[in-house]
């Protein structure tokens, strides 16, 4: 993978309703890998495909993406679900 590309942290929702977190610099290719369309991807997501992209955020580099991935993976399911909800400002 090329260090000069933009890095993303993403959440997939698998067919079994589980949330899977990962990082990539090519989200389209990575999603195809996770769904078993091309070689690669996690064994878990291939076994629980299809997976849909439900969340993504940008990171400035791979190191930052890895740290954020670790943070998200340590969250509870409910905390991860709050990432999916749009932010609302109330007056």
N, C-alpha and C. Protein backbone atom coordinates (compact mmCIF):
# COMPACT_ATOMS: atom_id res chain seq x y z
N UNK A 1 0.84 -1.19 0.00
CA UNK A 1 0.00 0.00 0.00
C UNK A 1 0.87 1.24 0.00
N UNK A 2 0.41 2.25 -0.64
CA UNK A 2 1.16 3.48 -0.82
C UNK A 2 0.92 4.43 0.34
N UNK A 3 1.99 4.87 1.01
CA UNK A 3 1.88 5.78 2.15
C UNK A 3 1.34 7.15 1.78
N UNK A 4 1.42 7.54 0.51
CA UNK A 4 0.98 8.86 0.09
C UNK A 4 -0.52 8.97 -0.12
N UNK A 5 -1.23 7.87 -0.13
CA UNK A 5 -2.67 7.90 -0.31
C UNK A 5 -3.36 8.30 0.99
N UNK A 6 -4.61 8.74 0.85
CA UNK A 6 -5.41 9.07 2.02
C UNK A 6 -5.83 7.79 2.72
N UNK A 7 -5.70 7.77 4.03
CA UNK A 7 -6.07 6.60 4.82
C UNK A 7 -7.45 6.81 5.41
N UNK A 8 -8.21 5.72 5.49
CA UNK A 8 -9.55 5.74 6.05
C UNK A 8 -9.67 4.68 7.13
N UNK A 9 -10.45 5.01 8.14
CA UNK A 9 -10.90 4.02 9.12
C UNK A 9 -12.35 3.77 8.75
N UNK A 10 -12.76 2.51 8.71
CA UNK A 10 -14.11 2.21 8.27
C UNK A 10 -14.77 1.18 9.16
N UNK A 11 -16.09 1.19 9.12
CA UNK A 11 -16.91 0.17 9.77
C UNK A 11 -17.78 -0.48 8.70
N UNK A 12 -17.80 -1.80 8.74
CA UNK A 12 -18.69 -2.56 7.87
C UNK A 12 -19.76 -3.21 8.72
N UNK A 13 -20.96 -3.31 8.18
CA UNK A 13 -21.99 -4.10 8.83
C UNK A 13 -22.11 -5.38 8.04
N UNK A 14 -21.87 -6.50 8.71
CA UNK A 14 -21.88 -7.81 8.07
C UNK A 14 -23.30 -8.36 8.02
N UNK A 15 -23.49 -9.42 7.26
CA UNK A 15 -24.80 -10.05 7.11
C UNK A 15 -25.36 -10.52 8.44
N UNK A 16 -24.49 -10.87 9.39
CA UNK A 16 -24.94 -11.31 10.71
C UNK A 16 -25.16 -10.12 11.66
N UNK A 17 -25.12 -8.89 11.12
CA UNK A 17 -25.35 -7.64 11.84
C UNK A 17 -24.16 -7.21 12.70
N UNK A 18 -23.05 -7.92 12.63
CA UNK A 18 -21.84 -7.53 13.37
C UNK A 18 -21.20 -6.32 12.69
N UNK A 19 -20.47 -5.54 13.48
CA UNK A 19 -19.71 -4.41 12.95
C UNK A 19 -18.24 -4.79 12.91
N UNK A 20 -17.61 -4.56 11.78
CA UNK A 20 -16.19 -4.88 11.58
C UNK A 20 -15.45 -3.59 11.29
N UNK A 21 -14.36 -3.35 12.00
CA UNK A 21 -13.56 -2.13 11.83
C UNK A 21 -12.24 -2.47 11.16
N UNK A 22 -11.81 -1.57 10.27
CA UNK A 22 -10.52 -1.75 9.60
C UNK A 22 -10.01 -0.42 9.06
N UNK A 23 -8.83 -0.47 8.43
CA UNK A 23 -8.25 0.71 7.79
C UNK A 23 -7.87 0.35 6.37
N UNK A 24 -7.80 1.35 5.51
CA UNK A 24 -7.40 1.13 4.13
C UNK A 24 -7.04 2.45 3.48
N UNK A 25 -6.38 2.36 2.34
CA UNK A 25 -6.20 3.55 1.51
C UNK A 25 -6.87 3.35 0.15
N UNK A 26 -7.67 2.28 0.03
CA UNK A 26 -8.45 2.02 -1.18
C UNK A 26 -9.75 1.32 -0.75
N UNK A 27 -10.75 2.10 -0.38
CA UNK A 27 -11.96 1.54 0.21
C UNK A 27 -12.73 0.64 -0.76
N UNK A 28 -12.77 1.00 -2.03
CA UNK A 28 -13.51 0.17 -2.99
C UNK A 28 -12.89 -1.22 -3.13
N UNK A 29 -11.58 -1.26 -3.25
CA UNK A 29 -10.89 -2.54 -3.35
C UNK A 29 -11.06 -3.34 -2.07
N UNK A 30 -10.94 -2.67 -0.93
CA UNK A 30 -11.03 -3.37 0.35
C UNK A 30 -12.42 -3.96 0.56
N UNK A 31 -13.45 -3.23 0.19
CA UNK A 31 -14.81 -3.74 0.34
C UNK A 31 -15.01 -4.97 -0.54
N UNK A 32 -14.49 -4.94 -1.76
CA UNK A 32 -14.56 -6.10 -2.65
C UNK A 32 -13.82 -7.30 -2.04
N UNK A 33 -12.69 -7.05 -1.39
CA UNK A 33 -11.95 -8.13 -0.72
C UNK A 33 -12.78 -8.71 0.42
N UNK A 34 -13.34 -7.85 1.25
CA UNK A 34 -14.13 -8.32 2.38
C UNK A 34 -15.33 -9.15 1.94
N UNK A 35 -15.90 -8.81 0.80
CA UNK A 35 -17.07 -9.55 0.31
C UNK A 35 -16.69 -10.76 -0.53
N UNK A 36 -15.38 -11.05 -0.64
CA UNK A 36 -14.93 -12.26 -1.33
C UNK A 36 -14.94 -12.15 -2.85
N UNK A 37 -15.08 -10.94 -3.38
CA UNK A 37 -15.09 -10.76 -4.84
C UNK A 37 -13.69 -10.86 -5.43
N UNK A 38 -12.68 -10.45 -4.66
CA UNK A 38 -11.29 -10.57 -5.07
C UNK A 38 -10.49 -11.09 -3.88
N UNK A 39 -9.28 -11.55 -4.14
CA UNK A 39 -8.42 -12.11 -3.10
C UNK A 39 -8.10 -11.08 -2.03
N UNK A 40 -8.08 -11.53 -0.78
CA UNK A 40 -7.77 -10.67 0.35
C UNK A 40 -8.99 -10.53 1.24
N UNK A 41 -8.91 -9.64 2.18
CA UNK A 41 -10.03 -9.45 3.10
C UNK A 41 -9.93 -10.39 4.27
N UNK A 42 -10.64 -10.06 5.32
CA UNK A 42 -10.62 -10.86 6.53
C UNK A 42 -11.48 -12.11 6.37
N UNK A 43 -11.03 -13.21 6.93
CA UNK A 43 -11.79 -14.45 6.89
C UNK A 43 -13.17 -14.25 7.50
N UNK A 44 -13.24 -13.46 8.57
CA UNK A 44 -14.51 -13.22 9.24
C UNK A 44 -15.53 -12.56 8.32
N UNK A 45 -15.11 -11.51 7.61
CA UNK A 45 -16.06 -10.80 6.76
C UNK A 45 -16.44 -11.63 5.54
N UNK A 46 -15.51 -12.38 5.01
CA UNK A 46 -15.85 -13.25 3.87
C UNK A 46 -16.88 -14.29 4.29
N UNK A 47 -16.76 -14.80 5.52
CA UNK A 47 -17.70 -15.80 6.02
C UNK A 47 -19.06 -15.20 6.38
N UNK A 48 -19.09 -13.88 6.60
CA UNK A 48 -20.34 -13.22 6.99
C UNK A 48 -20.76 -12.16 5.98
N UNK A 49 -20.41 -12.39 4.73
CA UNK A 49 -20.76 -11.48 3.65
C UNK A 49 -22.24 -11.69 3.29
N UNK A 50 -22.88 -10.71 2.70
CA UNK A 50 -22.27 -9.47 2.24
C UNK A 50 -22.09 -8.46 3.37
N UNK A 51 -21.09 -7.64 3.21
CA UNK A 51 -20.79 -6.57 4.16
C UNK A 51 -21.02 -5.23 3.48
N UNK A 52 -21.60 -4.31 4.23
CA UNK A 52 -21.88 -2.98 3.69
C UNK A 52 -21.10 -1.93 4.47
N UNK A 53 -20.56 -0.98 3.76
CA UNK A 53 -19.85 0.13 4.38
C UNK A 53 -20.88 1.03 5.07
N UNK A 54 -20.73 1.22 6.39
CA UNK A 54 -21.69 2.05 7.13
C UNK A 54 -21.05 3.28 7.75
N UNK A 55 -19.71 3.33 7.79
CA UNK A 55 -19.03 4.48 8.40
C UNK A 55 -17.61 4.56 7.87
N UNK A 56 -17.14 5.79 7.70
CA UNK A 56 -15.73 5.99 7.36
C UNK A 56 -15.29 7.36 7.86
N UNK A 57 -14.03 7.45 8.22
CA UNK A 57 -13.44 8.74 8.59
C UNK A 57 -12.01 8.78 8.07
N UNK A 58 -11.55 9.96 7.72
CA UNK A 58 -10.22 10.11 7.17
C UNK A 58 -9.17 10.23 8.27
N UNK A 59 -7.97 9.80 7.94
CA UNK A 59 -6.81 9.95 8.81
C UNK A 59 -5.67 10.53 7.98
N UNK A 60 -4.78 11.27 8.63
CA UNK A 60 -3.72 11.93 7.88
C UNK A 60 -2.63 10.97 7.40
N UNK A 61 -2.48 9.83 8.10
CA UNK A 61 -1.48 8.85 7.70
C UNK A 61 -1.83 7.48 8.30
N UNK A 62 -1.05 6.48 7.93
CA UNK A 62 -1.33 5.11 8.37
C UNK A 62 -1.24 4.97 9.89
N UNK A 63 -0.27 5.61 10.50
CA UNK A 63 -0.10 5.53 11.94
C UNK A 63 -1.32 6.07 12.68
N UNK A 64 -1.82 7.21 12.24
CA UNK A 64 -3.00 7.81 12.85
C UNK A 64 -4.21 6.90 12.65
N UNK A 65 -4.33 6.32 11.46
CA UNK A 65 -5.44 5.41 11.17
C UNK A 65 -5.39 4.18 12.08
N UNK A 66 -4.21 3.62 12.28
CA UNK A 66 -4.07 2.45 13.16
C UNK A 66 -4.46 2.77 14.60
N UNK A 67 -4.07 3.95 15.07
CA UNK A 67 -4.42 4.35 16.45
C UNK A 67 -5.92 4.51 16.60
N UNK A 68 -6.56 5.14 15.60
CA UNK A 68 -8.01 5.34 15.66
C UNK A 68 -8.74 4.01 15.54
N UNK A 69 -8.23 3.12 14.70
CA UNK A 69 -8.82 1.78 14.58
C UNK A 69 -8.81 1.08 15.93
N UNK A 70 -7.72 1.17 16.63
CA UNK A 70 -7.60 0.55 17.95
C UNK A 70 -8.63 1.15 18.92
N UNK A 71 -8.80 2.47 18.86
CA UNK A 71 -9.80 3.13 19.72
C UNK A 71 -11.20 2.61 19.41
N UNK A 72 -11.53 2.54 18.14
CA UNK A 72 -12.87 2.11 17.74
C UNK A 72 -13.09 0.65 18.11
N UNK A 73 -12.09 -0.19 17.91
CA UNK A 73 -12.23 -1.61 18.26
C UNK A 73 -12.44 -1.82 19.75
N UNK A 74 -11.97 -0.89 20.57
CA UNK A 74 -12.15 -1.03 22.02
C UNK A 74 -13.51 -0.50 22.49
N UNK A 75 -14.27 0.12 21.59
CA UNK A 75 -15.59 0.64 21.93
C UNK A 75 -16.61 -0.49 22.05
N UNK A 76 -17.67 -0.22 22.82
CA UNK A 76 -18.79 -1.15 22.87
C UNK A 76 -19.56 -1.03 21.55
N UNK A 77 -20.44 -1.97 21.31
CA UNK A 77 -21.27 -1.90 20.11
C UNK A 77 -22.10 -0.62 20.10
N UNK A 78 -22.69 -0.26 21.22
CA UNK A 78 -23.50 0.96 21.29
C UNK A 78 -22.67 2.21 20.99
N UNK A 79 -21.45 2.24 21.48
CA UNK A 79 -20.58 3.38 21.18
C UNK A 79 -20.26 3.44 19.68
N UNK A 80 -20.05 2.29 19.07
CA UNK A 80 -19.80 2.26 17.63
C UNK A 80 -21.04 2.72 16.87
N UNK A 81 -22.21 2.33 17.33
CA UNK A 81 -23.44 2.73 16.66
C UNK A 81 -23.65 4.24 16.73
N UNK A 82 -23.15 4.88 17.79
CA UNK A 82 -23.29 6.35 17.86
C UNK A 82 -22.45 7.03 16.78
N UNK A 83 -21.39 6.39 16.33
CA UNK A 83 -20.60 6.95 15.22
C UNK A 83 -21.42 7.02 13.94
N UNK A 84 -22.37 6.10 13.81
CA UNK A 84 -23.17 6.01 12.59
C UNK A 84 -24.27 7.07 12.52
N UNK A 85 -24.65 7.60 13.67
CA UNK A 85 -25.73 8.57 13.71
C UNK A 85 -25.21 9.96 13.34
N UNK A 86 -25.96 10.69 12.53
CA UNK A 86 -25.54 12.06 12.19
C UNK A 86 -25.58 12.95 13.42
N UNK A 87 -24.68 13.91 13.46
CA UNK A 87 -24.64 14.83 14.57
C UNK A 87 -25.76 15.87 14.43
N UNK A 88 -26.47 16.07 15.51
CA UNK A 88 -27.55 17.06 15.52
C UNK A 88 -27.21 18.12 16.54
N UNK A 89 -27.41 19.35 16.17
CA UNK A 89 -27.19 20.46 17.10
C UNK A 89 -28.56 20.96 17.55
N UNK A 90 -28.75 21.01 18.85
CA UNK A 90 -30.01 21.47 19.41
C UNK A 90 -29.79 22.81 20.07
N UNK A 91 -30.77 23.69 19.92
CA UNK A 91 -30.68 25.00 20.56
C UNK A 91 -31.47 25.02 21.83
